[in-house]
């Protein structure tokens, strides 16, 4: 992406400053995003997702996937995510159809001092070619802007590019087109260095797409979404060589309980912990073409197999007590009297609220870091007839850290109360309804 005027550069800079999110699952809540490829660059996690938008007449296919550009997000702590703005658009790729709205799942990798961004797109009509091609854009930084090369990679037709570089320095390209394909890449990262071949020994029935390969302790894990039943689940195959042969090994994540038809994954290690990045349609529960990226911790068994990941709302990262803690992204919830709903169903990017409707109902939010003595807790809440809550540490029956009275009002208001004891370090929070009446809570902050 290039800016030809000073005003364009200024606009890009302001976009980065304003597009900042502090979130758990989903990670990004001010826009739709999907197909997250996570990479660790310069001590941070960078996520390169596709960017879902809602199609309108003349702009994409109505009631279908619609993507016209790419953003990149980064975080040093897995909690606070910065949107670095638009890094590439269908309008800036010379060979692509600028009206297709089909900028699907991308990838990015670093080599020889440069960042290579891989993306699929339908070629322009004048190219007399159907389907998708895979292009490359380059940048000197992981957050762009990226400059697209004038032509796509020759000999590659398909979607969902993934690039892997082994310990010897050999690069490989994986992609999907009904089956999953692979080939070696030349040192320049933009030309094939071997014939393409279909990866064998994967399930034969049901759509397979979205390959992502990583290595751990000499085992190469080829991960991919596959429709075994009705919607995509995440599966993997393993090998002792990045070109196989691969052996189907297991399921990483079951079909989504939401019914979202697609899923798409990447797996990375950051600060000695492995994470699975994926997507669901939690921000758009009635339309699974508008998705949101998520992440959860991933663990291995002693034999190298992957433990199945169960999606959570809490997600990953340690939350600071000084920032707004959205307890609707809970770690656990009482079996009765507690629920989560959108604050405003007409404005779902506003997020969710916790509804405590029965005395003794609770939610637990884990891994909150108290790095200084906090004397006051603030809570955004409301209760039509007034109520009260207690905040307890580490266990449900623990002593109260704070008692907060919620005044009777249908309007959201910030309630404050004294913190009853000094607290430091990492703790779990229990928020418990102690009043007789229902209360709704947006966030808690110390």
Protein backbone atom coordinates (compact mmCIF):
# COMPACT_ATOMS: atom_id res chain seq x y z
CA UNK A 1 0.00 0.00 0.00
CA UNK A 2 1.43 3.36 -1.03
CA UNK A 3 0.45 6.88 -0.03
CA UNK A 4 1.25 9.55 -2.58
CA UNK A 5 0.49 12.55 -0.38
CA UNK A 6 1.37 13.75 3.07
CA UNK A 7 -2.29 13.65 3.99
CA UNK A 8 -2.45 9.95 3.15
CA UNK A 9 0.47 9.20 5.43
CA UNK A 10 -1.10 11.21 8.20
CA UNK A 11 -4.38 9.34 7.83
CA UNK A 12 -2.60 5.99 8.06
CA UNK A 13 -0.78 7.12 11.21
CA UNK A 14 -4.01 8.22 12.87
CA UNK A 15 -5.67 4.95 11.97
CA UNK A 16 -3.00 3.02 13.84
CA UNK A 17 -3.35 5.24 16.89
CA UNK A 18 -7.12 4.96 17.05
CA UNK A 19 -7.52 1.29 16.14
CA UNK A 20 -6.48 -0.20 19.45
CA UNK A 21 -8.31 -3.05 21.16
CA UNK A 22 -7.97 -4.71 24.55
CA UNK A 23 -9.81 -7.99 24.29
CA UNK A 24 -10.02 -11.69 25.03
CA UNK A 25 -12.18 -13.92 22.84
CA UNK A 26 -12.85 -12.71 20.29
CA UNK A 27 -9.52 -10.92 20.07
CA UNK A 28 -10.68 -8.09 17.80
CA UNK A 29 -14.08 -6.50 18.42
CA UNK A 30 -14.22 -3.35 16.31
CA UNK A 31 -14.39 -5.20 12.98
CA UNK A 32 -14.96 -8.67 11.60
CA UNK A 33 -11.90 -10.84 10.97
CA UNK A 34 -11.21 -14.46 10.07
CA UNK A 35 -8.57 -16.99 8.99
CA UNK A 36 -5.88 -15.81 11.43
CA UNK A 37 -2.27 -16.61 10.65
CA UNK A 38 -0.25 -15.81 13.76
CA UNK A 39 3.51 -15.24 13.56
CA UNK A 40 6.12 -14.18 16.12
CA UNK A 41 8.21 -11.27 14.84
CA UNK A 42 10.41 -8.88 16.81
CA UNK A 43 9.23 -10.18 20.19
CA UNK A 44 5.52 -9.75 19.42
CA UNK A 45 2.72 -11.86 18.04
CA UNK A 46 1.44 -10.55 14.71
CA UNK A 47 -1.87 -11.78 13.34
CA UNK A 48 -2.56 -11.64 9.61
CA UNK A 49 -6.28 -12.40 9.15
CA UNK A 50 -8.72 -11.94 6.34
CA UNK A 51 -11.14 -9.03 6.83
CA UNK A 52 -14.84 -9.82 6.57
CA UNK A 53 -17.18 -6.99 5.65
CA UNK A 54 -20.89 -7.03 4.84
CA UNK A 55 -21.64 -7.06 1.13
CA UNK A 56 -23.89 -4.37 -0.31
CA UNK A 57 -25.37 -4.06 -3.82
CA UNK A 58 -22.47 -3.64 -6.23
CA UNK A 59 -19.89 -4.46 -3.57
CA UNK A 60 -19.47 -8.20 -3.29
CA UNK A 61 -21.90 -11.08 -3.45
CA UNK A 62 -24.84 -10.54 -1.10
CA UNK A 63 -25.15 -13.03 1.78
CA UNK A 64 -21.69 -14.44 1.01
CA UNK A 65 -18.08 -13.95 2.07
CA UNK A 66 -16.93 -10.43 1.27
CA UNK A 67 -13.32 -9.26 1.78
CA UNK A 68 -11.60 -6.35 0.06
CA UNK A 69 -8.40 -5.77 2.07
CA UNK A 70 -6.12 -6.95 4.86
CA UNK A 71 -5.20 -5.53 8.28
CA UNK A 72 -2.48 -6.74 10.64
CA UNK A 73 -2.69 -6.78 14.45
CA UNK A 74 0.11 -7.12 17.00
CA UNK A 75 0.47 -7.69 20.73
CA UNK A 76 3.34 -8.06 23.18
CA UNK A 77 1.13 -9.53 25.93
CA UNK A 78 -1.69 -11.36 24.06
CA UNK A 79 -4.26 -9.08 25.68
CA UNK A 80 -3.81 -5.65 24.11
CA UNK A 81 -3.98 -5.76 20.30
CA UNK A 82 -2.98 -2.90 18.05
CA UNK A 83 -4.50 -2.57 14.59
CA UNK A 84 -1.76 -1.32 12.27
CA UNK A 85 -4.32 -0.45 9.65
CA UNK A 86 -4.81 -1.57 6.08
CA UNK A 87 -1.71 -3.26 4.64
CA UNK A 88 -3.04 -4.38 1.25
CA UNK A 89 -6.20 -3.91 -0.81
CA UNK A 90 -7.74 -5.56 -3.86
CA UNK A 91 -7.45 -2.15 -5.53
CA UNK A 92 -3.64 -2.07 -5.21
CA UNK A 93 -2.80 -5.53 -6.61
CA UNK A 94 -1.92 -5.13 -10.33
CA UNK A 95 -2.97 -8.61 -11.45
CA UNK A 96 -6.07 -9.09 -9.27
CA UNK A 97 -9.73 -8.42 -9.98
CA UNK A 98 -10.33 -5.17 -8.10
CA UNK A 99 -14.07 -5.88 -7.85
CA UNK A 100 -14.01 -9.50 -6.63
CA UNK A 101 -14.10 -8.91 -2.84
CA UNK A 102 -12.36 -12.25 -2.37
CA UNK A 103 -9.13 -11.49 -0.51
CA UNK A 104 -9.16 -14.76 1.43
CA UNK A 105 -6.84 -16.32 4.01
CA UNK A 106 -3.23 -14.97 3.92
CA UNK A 107 0.15 -15.74 5.48
CA UNK A 108 3.36 -13.82 6.20
CA UNK A 109 6.94 -14.93 6.73
CA UNK A 110 10.35 -13.29 7.26
CA UNK A 111 13.44 -14.03 5.20
CA UNK A 112 16.67 -12.22 4.32
CA UNK A 113 15.65 -8.97 5.97
CA UNK A 114 12.25 -8.79 4.28
CA UNK A 115 8.67 -9.75 5.13
CA UNK A 116 6.76 -11.70 2.48
CA UNK A 117 2.96 -11.54 2.57
CA UNK A 118 1.11 -14.28 0.65
CA UNK A 119 -2.52 -13.90 -0.34
CA UNK A 120 -5.08 -15.43 -2.73
CA UNK A 121 -7.24 -13.44 -5.13
CA UNK A 122 -9.14 -13.98 -8.38
CA UNK A 123 -7.17 -12.61 -11.34
CA UNK A 124 -8.51 -9.77 -13.46
CA UNK A 125 -10.84 -10.79 -16.28
CA UNK A 126 -8.26 -9.84 -18.91
CA UNK A 127 -6.00 -12.58 -17.59
CA UNK A 128 -8.40 -15.20 -19.06
CA UNK A 129 -7.94 -17.33 -15.97
CA UNK A 130 -10.56 -18.76 -13.65
CA UNK A 131 -10.34 -19.48 -9.97
CA UNK A 132 -7.72 -18.03 -7.65
CA UNK A 133 -4.06 -17.19 -7.93
CA UNK A 134 -1.63 -16.61 -5.06
CA UNK A 135 0.27 -13.35 -4.93
CA UNK A 136 3.12 -11.97 -2.87
CA UNK A 137 3.64 -8.52 -1.36
CA UNK A 138 6.77 -7.39 0.46
CA UNK A 139 7.69 -4.99 3.24
CA UNK A 140 10.63 -4.03 5.41
CA UNK A 141 8.48 -4.28 8.54
CA UNK A 142 5.96 -6.88 9.79
CA UNK A 143 3.22 -4.25 9.89
CA UNK A 144 3.71 -2.92 6.36
CA UNK A 145 2.76 -1.20 4.24
CA UNK A 146 3.22 -4.09 1.79
CA UNK A 147 3.96 -3.60 -1.89
CA UNK A 148 2.44 -6.26 -4.17
CA UNK A 149 4.55 -7.85 -6.89
CA UNK A 150 3.24 -7.34 -10.45
CA UNK A 151 2.37 -11.02 -11.01
CA UNK A 152 1.15 -13.97 -8.94
CA UNK A 153 3.28 -17.08 -8.33
CA UNK A 154 3.50 -19.03 -11.57
CA UNK A 155 2.14 -22.56 -11.49
CA UNK A 156 -0.03 -22.11 -8.41
CA UNK A 157 -3.81 -22.09 -8.57
CA UNK A 158 -5.75 -22.09 -5.33
CA UNK A 159 -6.36 -20.44 -1.97
CA UNK A 160 -5.10 -20.34 1.62
CA UNK A 161 -1.31 -20.07 1.11
CA UNK A 162 0.98 -21.17 3.91
CA UNK A 163 4.78 -20.90 3.89
CA UNK A 164 7.24 -22.85 6.03
CA UNK A 165 11.04 -22.64 6.19
CA UNK A 166 12.84 -25.67 7.62
CA UNK A 167 16.03 -25.64 9.68
CA UNK A 168 18.18 -26.09 6.58
CA UNK A 169 16.70 -22.94 5.06
CA UNK A 170 14.51 -24.66 2.46
CA UNK A 171 11.16 -22.91 2.00
CA UNK A 172 7.90 -24.64 1.15
CA UNK A 173 4.52 -23.43 -0.05
CA UNK A 174 1.26 -25.17 0.88
CA UNK A 175 -2.14 -24.26 -0.52
CA UNK A 176 -5.63 -25.64 -1.14
CA UNK A 177 -7.73 -26.34 -4.22
CA UNK A 178 -10.10 -29.18 -3.40
CA UNK A 179 -7.09 -31.07 -2.07
CA UNK A 180 -4.06 -29.69 -0.24
CA UNK A 181 -0.95 -29.11 -2.37
CA UNK A 182 2.70 -28.43 -1.64
CA UNK A 183 5.89 -27.47 -3.45
CA UNK A 184 9.35 -26.17 -2.65
CA UNK A 185 10.05 -22.45 -3.03
CA UNK A 186 13.21 -20.92 -4.43
CA UNK A 187 15.42 -18.72 -2.28
CA UNK A 188 13.68 -15.64 -3.71
CA UNK A 189 10.41 -16.82 -2.09
CA UNK A 190 8.34 -16.01 -5.17
CA UNK A 191 8.98 -18.97 -7.52
CA UNK A 192 8.37 -22.70 -7.20
CA UNK A 193 11.47 -24.88 -7.01
CA UNK A 194 9.73 -28.22 -7.51
CA UNK A 195 6.59 -29.56 -9.17
CA UNK A 196 3.45 -29.17 -7.08
CA UNK A 197 1.97 -32.33 -5.60
CA UNK A 198 -1.16 -33.34 -3.72
CA UNK A 199 -0.57 -34.30 -0.10
CA UNK A 200 -1.69 -37.92 0.26
CA UNK A 201 -3.16 -39.85 3.20
CA UNK A 202 -5.59 -37.13 4.25
CA UNK A 203 -9.34 -37.82 4.53
CA UNK A 204 -10.74 -38.32 1.03
CA UNK A 205 -14.32 -37.15 1.63
CA UNK A 206 -15.34 -33.66 2.69
CA UNK A 207 -13.78 -30.29 1.92
CA UNK A 208 -10.18 -29.79 3.02
CA UNK A 209 -8.54 -26.35 2.96
CA UNK A 210 -6.49 -23.89 5.02
CA UNK A 211 -3.17 -25.76 5.47
CA UNK A 212 -0.81 -24.55 8.20
CA UNK A 213 2.41 -26.45 8.89
CA UNK A 214 4.68 -26.10 11.94
CA UNK A 215 7.48 -28.12 13.50
CA UNK A 216 8.02 -29.23 17.12
CA UNK A 217 10.75 -31.58 18.34
CA UNK A 218 11.38 -32.97 14.88
CA UNK A 219 7.72 -33.64 14.13
CA UNK A 220 6.06 -31.73 11.29
CA UNK A 221 2.39 -31.00 11.94
CA UNK A 222 0.17 -30.33 8.93
CA UNK A 223 -3.03 -28.77 10.25
CA UNK A 224 -6.16 -28.02 8.21
CA UNK A 225 -9.96 -27.58 8.42
CA UNK A 226 -12.02 -30.52 7.18
CA UNK A 227 -15.75 -31.12 6.84
CA UNK A 228 -16.11 -34.59 8.34
CA UNK A 229 -19.79 -34.12 9.19
CA UNK A 230 -21.64 -30.81 8.67
CA UNK A 231 -19.15 -28.01 9.34
CA UNK A 232 -15.38 -27.64 9.47
CA UNK A 233 -13.40 -29.08 12.34
CA UNK A 234 -9.64 -28.69 12.78
CA UNK A 235 -7.52 -31.78 12.12
CA UNK A 236 -3.84 -32.60 11.74
CA UNK A 237 -1.45 -35.07 10.17
CA UNK A 238 2.19 -35.65 11.10
CA UNK A 239 5.46 -36.51 9.38
CA UNK A 240 9.22 -36.48 9.92
CA UNK A 241 9.63 -34.43 6.72
CA UNK A 242 7.92 -31.19 5.65
CA UNK A 243 7.01 -32.86 2.31
CA UNK A 244 5.69 -36.02 3.94
CA UNK A 245 4.51 -38.64 3.69
CA UNK A 246 1.99 -37.46 6.28
CA UNK A 247 -0.18 -39.65 8.49
CA UNK A 248 -3.60 -38.50 9.71
CA UNK A 249 -3.20 -38.15 13.47
CA UNK A 250 -6.22 -36.53 15.09
CA UNK A 251 -8.63 -33.67 15.74
CA UNK A 252 -7.47 -30.37 17.22
CA UNK A 253 -10.90 -28.76 17.62
CA UNK A 254 -14.38 -30.16 17.10
CA UNK A 255 -17.08 -28.53 15.01
CA UNK A 256 -18.19 -25.22 16.48
CA UNK A 257 -21.20 -25.31 18.79
CA UNK A 258 -22.33 -22.08 17.14
CA UNK A 259 -22.81 -23.80 13.79
CA UNK A 260 -20.26 -21.57 12.05
CA UNK A 261 -19.58 -23.44 8.81
CA UNK A 262 -15.91 -22.48 8.52
CA UNK A 263 -12.89 -22.54 10.75
CA UNK A 264 -9.24 -21.72 9.99
CA UNK A 265 -6.18 -22.12 12.18
CA UNK A 266 -2.57 -21.34 12.91
CA UNK A 267 -0.42 -22.58 15.78
CA UNK A 268 2.57 -20.75 17.27
CA UNK A 269 4.79 -20.84 20.33
CA UNK A 270 5.25 -17.59 22.25
CA UNK A 271 7.19 -17.28 25.50
CA UNK A 272 7.28 -21.06 26.02
CA UNK A 273 3.54 -21.60 25.50
CA UNK A 274 1.77 -22.89 22.38
CA UNK A 275 -1.40 -21.21 21.15
CA UNK A 276 -4.12 -22.06 18.66
CA UNK A 277 -5.56 -19.15 16.68
CA UNK A 278 -8.89 -19.76 14.92
CA UNK A 279 -12.23 -18.07 14.23
CA UNK A 280 -15.96 -18.27 14.95
CA UNK A 281 -18.99 -16.08 14.32
CA UNK A 282 -19.59 -14.93 17.89
CA UNK A 283 -19.96 -11.27 16.88
CA UNK A 284 -22.49 -12.25 14.22
CA UNK A 285 -24.36 -15.29 15.53
CA UNK A 286 -26.99 -15.23 12.77
CA UNK A 287 -24.57 -14.84 9.84
CA UNK A 288 -21.49 -17.05 9.67
CA UNK A 289 -19.88 -15.09 6.82
CA UNK A 290 -18.97 -12.34 9.32
CA UNK A 291 -16.48 -13.93 11.67
CA UNK A 292 -14.17 -13.03 14.56
CA UNK A 293 -10.69 -14.35 15.39
CA UNK A 294 -10.01 -16.14 18.66
CA UNK A 295 -7.16 -17.87 20.49
CA UNK A 296 -6.73 -20.50 23.18
CA UNK A 297 -3.79 -22.28 24.77
CA UNK A 298 -2.69 -25.55 23.15
CA UNK A 299 -0.92 -28.47 24.82
CA UNK A 300 0.87 -31.62 23.67
CA UNK A 301 0.89 -35.12 25.10
CA UNK A 302 4.18 -36.84 25.89
CA UNK A 303 4.05 -38.73 22.58
CA UNK A 304 3.77 -35.47 20.63
CA UNK A 305 0.07 -35.72 19.84
CA UNK A 306 -2.05 -32.61 20.34
CA UNK A 307 -4.59 -32.41 23.12
CA UNK A 308 -7.97 -31.38 21.78
CA UNK A 309 -8.65 -27.66 22.34
CA UNK A 310 -12.02 -26.67 23.78
CA UNK A 311 -12.93 -23.06 22.87
CA UNK A 312 -13.17 -20.61 25.77
CA UNK A 313 -14.43 -17.07 26.22
CA UNK A 314 -11.53 -16.17 28.53
CA UNK A 315 -8.97 -16.94 25.86
CA UNK A 316 -5.32 -16.13 26.56
CA UNK A 317 -3.09 -13.61 28.30
CA UNK A 318 -2.94 -12.09 31.77
CA UNK A 319 -5.29 -9.15 32.32
CA UNK A 320 -4.12 -6.08 34.20
CA UNK A 321 -6.30 -5.08 37.13
CA UNK A 322 -5.78 -1.46 36.08
CA UNK A 323 -7.64 -2.02 32.81
CA UNK A 324 -11.30 -2.80 32.26
CA UNK A 325 -11.88 -6.50 32.94
CA UNK A 326 -14.82 -7.73 30.93
CA UNK A 327 -16.11 -10.50 33.15
CA UNK A 328 -18.50 -11.70 30.44
CA UNK A 329 -15.34 -13.37 28.99
CA UNK A 330 -15.48 -15.65 32.01
CA UNK A 331 -13.43 -18.72 32.88
CA UNK A 332 -16.34 -20.38 34.70
CA UNK A 333 -19.95 -19.55 35.49
CA UNK A 334 -22.54 -20.74 38.01
CA UNK A 335 -24.98 -23.34 36.69
CA UNK A 336 -28.00 -21.15 37.45
CA UNK A 337 -28.72 -17.45 37.70
CA UNK A 338 -25.87 -16.24 35.48
CA UNK A 339 -25.76 -15.59 31.74
CA UNK A 340 -24.16 -13.43 29.04
CA UNK A 341 -25.90 -11.35 26.39
CA UNK A 342 -25.07 -8.52 23.99
CA UNK A 343 -25.21 -5.04 25.51
CA UNK A 344 -27.01 -3.89 22.37
CA UNK A 345 -28.07 -6.47 19.77
CA UNK A 346 -28.19 -3.71 17.14
CA UNK A 347 -24.56 -2.74 17.88
CA UNK A 348 -22.77 -5.99 18.57
CA UNK A 349 -19.31 -4.43 18.42
CA UNK A 350 -20.25 -2.86 21.79
CA UNK A 351 -19.70 -6.31 23.28
CA UNK A 352 -21.44 -8.27 25.98
CA UNK A 353 -22.76 -7.94 29.53
CA UNK A 354 -22.96 -10.38 32.43
CA UNK A 355 -26.45 -10.86 33.84
CA UNK A 356 -26.65 -12.09 37.45
CA UNK A 357 -30.31 -12.81 38.17
CA UNK A 358 -30.26 -15.00 41.27
CA UNK A 359 -28.67 -14.41 44.66
CA UNK A 360 -25.45 -16.38 44.88
CA UNK A 361 -24.93 -16.50 41.11
CA UNK A 362 -21.32 -15.91 40.06
CA UNK A 363 -18.71 -15.77 37.33
CA UNK A 364 -14.98 -16.46 37.63
CA UNK A 365 -12.38 -14.56 35.60
CA UNK A 366 -8.87 -15.98 35.89
CA UNK A 367 -5.37 -14.55 35.68
CA UNK A 368 -5.70 -10.92 36.77
CA UNK A 369 -2.44 -9.16 37.63
CA UNK A 370 -2.46 -6.72 40.55
CA UNK A 371 0.86 -4.94 40.23
CA UNK A 372 0.21 -2.19 42.74
CA UNK A 373 -1.92 -1.53 45.81
CA UNK A 374 -5.44 -0.77 44.63
CA UNK A 375 -7.69 1.18 46.96
CA UNK A 376 -10.81 1.51 44.81
CA UNK A 377 -12.73 -0.77 42.47
CA UNK A 378 -14.93 0.66 39.71
CA UNK A 379 -17.75 -1.31 38.12
CA UNK A 380 -19.89 -0.41 35.13
CA UNK A 381 -23.29 -1.83 36.07
CA UNK A 382 -27.02 -1.31 36.30
CA UNK A 383 -29.99 -2.73 38.19
CA UNK A 384 -33.57 -1.60 37.76
CA UNK A 385 -34.34 -1.88 41.48
CA UNK A 386 -30.85 -1.89 42.97
CA UNK A 387 -28.68 -4.77 44.13
CA UNK A 388 -25.22 -5.65 45.44
CA UNK A 389 -22.21 -7.80 44.51
CA UNK A 390 -19.03 -9.01 46.16
CA UNK A 391 -15.67 -9.51 44.50
CA UNK A 392 -13.72 -12.41 46.00
CA UNK A 393 -10.21 -13.70 45.33
CA UNK A 394 -9.18 -17.13 44.04
CA UNK A 395 -12.11 -19.14 45.41
CA UNK A 396 -15.86 -18.76 45.55
CA UNK A 397 -16.03 -18.89 49.34
CA UNK A 398 -13.05 -16.55 49.74
CA UNK A 399 -13.14 -13.39 51.80
CA UNK A 400 -14.49 -10.32 49.99
CA UNK A 401 -11.98 -8.05 48.27
CA UNK A 402 -14.76 -5.47 47.77
CA UNK A 403 -18.49 -5.00 48.30
CA UNK A 404 -20.28 -2.88 45.74
CA UNK A 405 -23.81 -1.48 46.00
CA UNK A 406 -25.50 -1.02 42.63
CA UNK A 407 -27.98 1.83 42.66
CA UNK A 408 -31.43 1.44 41.16
CA UNK A 409 -31.35 2.69 37.59
CA UNK A 410 -31.96 1.44 34.07
CA UNK A 411 -28.94 3.45 32.89
CA UNK A 412 -25.40 2.16 32.87
CA UNK A 413 -23.39 3.86 35.62
CA UNK A 414 -19.95 3.53 37.18
CA UNK A 415 -20.17 2.33 40.78
CA UNK A 416 -17.19 2.60 43.11
CA UNK A 417 -16.26 0.94 46.38
CA UNK A 418 -13.26 0.62 48.65
CA UNK A 419 -10.88 -2.31 48.27
CA UNK A 420 -10.90 -4.02 51.67
CA UNK A 421 -7.34 -5.33 51.68
CA UNK A 422 -4.05 -4.80 49.87
CA UNK A 423 -3.52 -7.14 46.99
CA UNK A 424 -0.61 -7.91 44.64
CA UNK A 425 0.31 -10.62 42.18
CA UNK A 426 -1.82 -12.77 39.88
CA UNK A 427 -5.24 -13.88 41.10
CA UNK A 428 -8.61 -15.17 39.95
CA UNK A 429 -11.67 -13.00 40.51
CA UNK A 430 -15.10 -14.21 41.55
CA UNK A 431 -17.94 -11.74 41.06
CA UNK A 432 -20.92 -12.87 43.17
CA UNK A 433 -24.44 -11.46 43.38
CA UNK A 434 -25.17 -10.88 47.07
CA UNK A 435 -28.22 -8.66 46.64
CA UNK A 436 -31.76 -9.97 46.24
CA UNK A 437 -32.30 -8.36 42.84
CA UNK A 438 -30.86 -8.88 39.37
CA UNK A 439 -27.84 -6.88 38.21
CA UNK A 440 -26.05 -6.43 34.89
CA UNK A 441 -22.29 -5.84 34.75
CA UNK A 442 -20.18 -4.64 31.84
CA UNK A 443 -16.68 -4.40 33.33
CA UNK A 444 -14.61 -4.23 36.53
CA UNK A 445 -11.49 -2.11 37.05
CA UNK A 446 -9.15 -1.54 40.02
